[in-house]
């Protein structure tokens, strides 16, 4: 036989389970991009360092020449011919039920054609 016990959790216990008072996301180290800004190359995003309670989730969006690249939301981005001459950035959003903050990386050099 299985017995199920219900417990009422006080607000203080709830806060303790979160590790303290809830805090909105905060970026402490900006996102960055590594890789080759070249057609045929791959750029990889580092989401940076984030704090907050609860720990923030992260989402990304890549941009070329300041314009969001539709559908480019992954950890990596492979520049295309249409990106030649444009710089690439990645914007990382840290979010939780306490809020959301978006920080954008420093831009790459201008994308060049394939060798």
C-alpha atoms as a PDB file:
ATOM      1  CA  UNK A   1       0.000   0.000   0.000  1.00  0.00           C
ATOM      2  CA  UNK A   2       1.266   3.499  -0.872  1.00  0.00           C
ATOM      3  CA  UNK A   3       0.613   6.450   1.380  1.00  0.00           C
ATOM      4  CA  UNK A   4       0.681   9.967   0.003  1.00  0.00           C
ATOM      5  CA  UNK A   5       1.236  12.823   2.421  1.00  0.00           C
ATOM      6  CA  UNK A   6       0.485  16.404   1.573  1.00  0.00           C
ATOM      7  CA  UNK A   7       2.478  19.190   3.126  1.00  0.00           C
ATOM      8  CA  UNK A   8       1.736  22.876   3.105  1.00  0.00           C
ATOM      9  CA  UNK A   9       4.809  24.861   2.284  1.00  0.00           C
ATOM     10  CA  UNK A  10       5.174  28.271   3.787  1.00  0.00           C
ATOM     11  CA  UNK A  11       6.368  31.188   1.687  1.00  0.00           C
ATOM     12  CA  UNK A  12       9.655  31.109   3.609  1.00  0.00           C
ATOM     13  CA  UNK A  13      10.143  27.453   2.709  1.00  0.00           C
ATOM     14  CA  UNK A  14       9.330  28.267  -0.906  1.00  0.00           C
ATOM     15  CA  UNK A  15      11.940  31.026  -0.952  1.00  0.00           C
ATOM     16  CA  UNK A  16      14.435  28.663   0.644  1.00  0.00           C
ATOM     17  CA  UNK A  17      13.831  26.153  -2.132  1.00  0.00           C
ATOM     18  CA  UNK A  18      14.738  28.860  -4.627  1.00  0.00           C
ATOM     19  CA  UNK A  19      17.936  29.608  -2.776  1.00  0.00           C
ATOM     20  CA  UNK A  20      16.714  32.953  -1.430  1.00  0.00           C
ATOM     21  CA  UNK A  21      14.603  35.874  -2.513  1.00  0.00           C
ATOM     22  CA  UNK A  22      13.627  35.818  -6.203  1.00  0.00           C
ATOM     23  CA  UNK A  23      15.775  38.109  -8.375  1.00  0.00           C
ATOM     24  CA  UNK A  24      15.386  39.193 -11.977  1.00  0.00           C
ATOM     25  CA  UNK A  25      17.949  37.945 -14.503  1.00  0.00           C
ATOM     26  CA  UNK A  26      21.212  39.887 -14.644  1.00  0.00           C
ATOM     27  CA  UNK A  27      24.021  39.516 -17.165  1.00  0.00           C
ATOM     28  CA  UNK A  28      27.482  39.702 -15.580  1.00  0.00           C
ATOM     29  CA  UNK A  29      29.624  38.667 -18.578  1.00  0.00           C
ATOM     30  CA  UNK A  30      28.402  39.677 -22.042  1.00  0.00           C
ATOM     31  CA  UNK A  31      27.689  37.122 -24.769  1.00  0.00           C
ATOM     32  CA  UNK A  32      30.436  36.597 -27.334  1.00  0.00           C
ATOM     33  CA  UNK A  33      30.988  35.020 -30.736  1.00  0.00           C
ATOM     34  CA  UNK A  34      33.842  32.769 -31.819  1.00  0.00           C
ATOM     35  CA  UNK A  35      34.576  31.361 -35.238  1.00  0.00           C
ATOM     36  CA  UNK A  36      35.134  32.607 -38.767  1.00  0.00           C
ATOM     37  CA  UNK A  37      32.918  35.327 -40.235  1.00  0.00           C
ATOM     38  CA  UNK A  38      33.107  33.759 -43.672  1.00  0.00           C
ATOM     39  CA  UNK A  39      30.703  32.011 -46.011  1.00  0.00           C
ATOM     40  CA  UNK A  40      31.237  28.314 -45.297  1.00  0.00           C
ATOM     41  CA  UNK A  41      32.443  29.024 -41.765  1.00  0.00           C
ATOM     42  CA  UNK A  42      30.609  28.555 -38.495  1.00  0.00           C
ATOM     43  CA  UNK A  43      30.064  31.133 -35.775  1.00  0.00           C
ATOM     44  CA  UNK A  44      29.385  29.917 -32.242  1.00  0.00           C
ATOM     45  CA  UNK A  45      27.730  31.921 -29.499  1.00  0.00           C
ATOM     46  CA  UNK A  46      28.749  31.908 -25.869  1.00  0.00           C
ATOM     47  CA  UNK A  47      25.713  33.039 -23.885  1.00  0.00           C
ATOM     48  CA  UNK A  48      27.772  34.888 -21.309  1.00  0.00           C
ATOM     49  CA  UNK A  49      27.280  34.613 -17.568  1.00  0.00           C
ATOM     50  CA  UNK A  50      23.925  35.167 -15.904  1.00  0.00           C
ATOM     51  CA  UNK A  51      22.617  35.367 -12.354  1.00  0.00           C
ATOM     52  CA  UNK A  52      19.097  35.448 -10.939  1.00  0.00           C
ATOM     53  CA  UNK A  53      16.675  33.383  -8.870  1.00  0.00           C
ATOM     54  CA  UNK A  54      15.480  31.159 -10.285  1.00  0.00           C
ATOM     55  CA  UNK A  55      18.370  30.595 -12.703  1.00  0.00           C
ATOM     56  CA  UNK A  56      17.407  32.310 -15.977  1.00  0.00           C
ATOM     57  CA  UNK A  57      16.696  30.409 -19.166  1.00  0.00           C
ATOM     58  CA  UNK A  58      18.543  31.693 -22.243  1.00  0.00           C
ATOM     59  CA  UNK A  59      17.368  32.300 -25.794  1.00  0.00           C
ATOM     60  CA  UNK A  60      19.356  33.620 -28.759  1.00  0.00           C
ATOM     61  CA  UNK A  61      18.756  35.463 -31.984  1.00  0.00           C
ATOM     62  CA  UNK A  62      21.415  36.232 -34.604  1.00  0.00           C
ATOM     63  CA  UNK A  63      21.540  39.439 -36.668  1.00  0.00           C
ATOM     64  CA  UNK A  64      23.414  40.441 -39.828  1.00  0.00           C
ATOM     65  CA  UNK A  65      24.064  44.118 -40.406  1.00  0.00           C
ATOM     66  CA  UNK A  66      21.713  44.964 -37.536  1.00  0.00           C
ATOM     67  CA  UNK A  67      18.775  43.018 -39.004  1.00  0.00           C
ATOM     68  CA  UNK A  68      17.441  39.911 -37.248  1.00  0.00           C
ATOM     69  CA  UNK A  69      18.047  36.724 -39.241  1.00  0.00           C
ATOM     70  CA  UNK A  70      14.666  34.980 -39.248  1.00  0.00           C
ATOM     71  CA  UNK A  71      14.938  31.489 -37.778  1.00  0.00           C
ATOM     72  CA  UNK A  72      18.541  31.909 -36.582  1.00  0.00           C
ATOM     73  CA  UNK A  73      18.108  31.066 -32.898  1.00  0.00           C
ATOM     74  CA  UNK A  74      20.627  28.277 -32.306  1.00  0.00           C
ATOM     75  CA  UNK A  75      24.007  28.102 -30.649  1.00  0.00           C
ATOM     76  CA  UNK A  76      25.704  28.374 -34.051  1.00  0.00           C
ATOM     77  CA  UNK A  77      25.189  30.308 -37.266  1.00  0.00           C
ATOM     78  CA  UNK A  78      26.717  29.617 -40.690  1.00  0.00           C
ATOM     79  CA  UNK A  79      27.090  32.848 -42.688  1.00  0.00           C
ATOM     80  CA  UNK A  80      25.567  32.842 -46.180  1.00  0.00           C
ATOM     81  CA  UNK A  81      26.389  34.775 -49.360  1.00  0.00           C
ATOM     82  CA  UNK A  82      23.777  37.408 -48.462  1.00  0.00           C
ATOM     83  CA  UNK A  83      25.781  38.204 -45.313  1.00  0.00           C
ATOM     84  CA  UNK A  84      28.953  39.234 -47.197  1.00  0.00           C
ATOM     85  CA  UNK A  85      30.051  42.685 -46.063  1.00  0.00           C
ATOM     86  CA  UNK A  86      27.805  42.621 -42.978  1.00  0.00           C
ATOM     87  CA  UNK A  87      28.831  42.150 -39.367  1.00  0.00           C
ATOM     88  CA  UNK A  88      27.133  39.466 -37.275  1.00  0.00           C
ATOM     89  CA  UNK A  89      25.903  39.781 -33.694  1.00  0.00           C
ATOM     90  CA  UNK A  90      24.032  37.498 -31.337  1.00  0.00           C
ATOM     91  CA  UNK A  91      21.523  38.807 -28.811  1.00  0.00           C
ATOM     92  CA  UNK A  92      20.999  36.618 -25.759  1.00  0.00           C
ATOM     93  CA  UNK A  93      17.949  37.014 -23.555  1.00  0.00           C
ATOM     94  CA  UNK A  94      17.978  35.759 -19.975  1.00  0.00           C
ATOM     95  CA  UNK A  95      14.423  35.208 -18.763  1.00  0.00           C
ATOM     96  CA  UNK A  96      12.414  33.838 -15.854  1.00  0.00           C
ATOM     97  CA  UNK A  97       9.112  34.696 -14.207  1.00  0.00           C
ATOM     98  CA  UNK A  98      11.032  37.532 -12.508  1.00  0.00           C
ATOM     99  CA  UNK A  99      11.780  39.339 -15.788  1.00  0.00           C
ATOM    100  CA  UNK A 100      13.849  39.340 -18.943  1.00  0.00           C
ATOM    101  CA  UNK A 101      17.051  41.072 -20.021  1.00  0.00           C
ATOM    102  CA  UNK A 102      18.617  41.080 -23.490  1.00  0.00           C
ATOM    103  CA  UNK A 103      22.326  41.692 -24.112  1.00  0.00           C
ATOM    104  CA  UNK A 104      23.981  41.832 -27.543  1.00  0.00           C
ATOM    105  CA  UNK A 105      27.509  40.652 -28.329  1.00  0.00           C
ATOM    106  CA  UNK A 106      30.213  42.732 -29.938  1.00  0.00           C
ATOM    107  CA  UNK A 107      29.937  42.407 -33.724  1.00  0.00           C
ATOM    108  CA  UNK A 108      32.190  40.162 -35.764  1.00  0.00           C
ATOM    109  CA  UNK A 109      34.308  41.532 -38.552  1.00  0.00           C
ATOM    110  CA  UNK A 110      32.433  41.842 -41.849  1.00  0.00           C
ATOM    111  CA  UNK A 111      31.577  38.481 -43.398  1.00  0.00           C
ATOM    112  CA  UNK A 112      33.813  37.549 -46.339  1.00  0.00           C
ATOM    113  CA  UNK A 113      33.243  35.124 -49.197  1.00  0.00           C
ATOM    114  CA  UNK A 114      34.331  31.499 -49.210  1.00  0.00           C
ATOM    115  CA  UNK A 115      37.950  30.783 -50.039  1.00  0.00           C
END
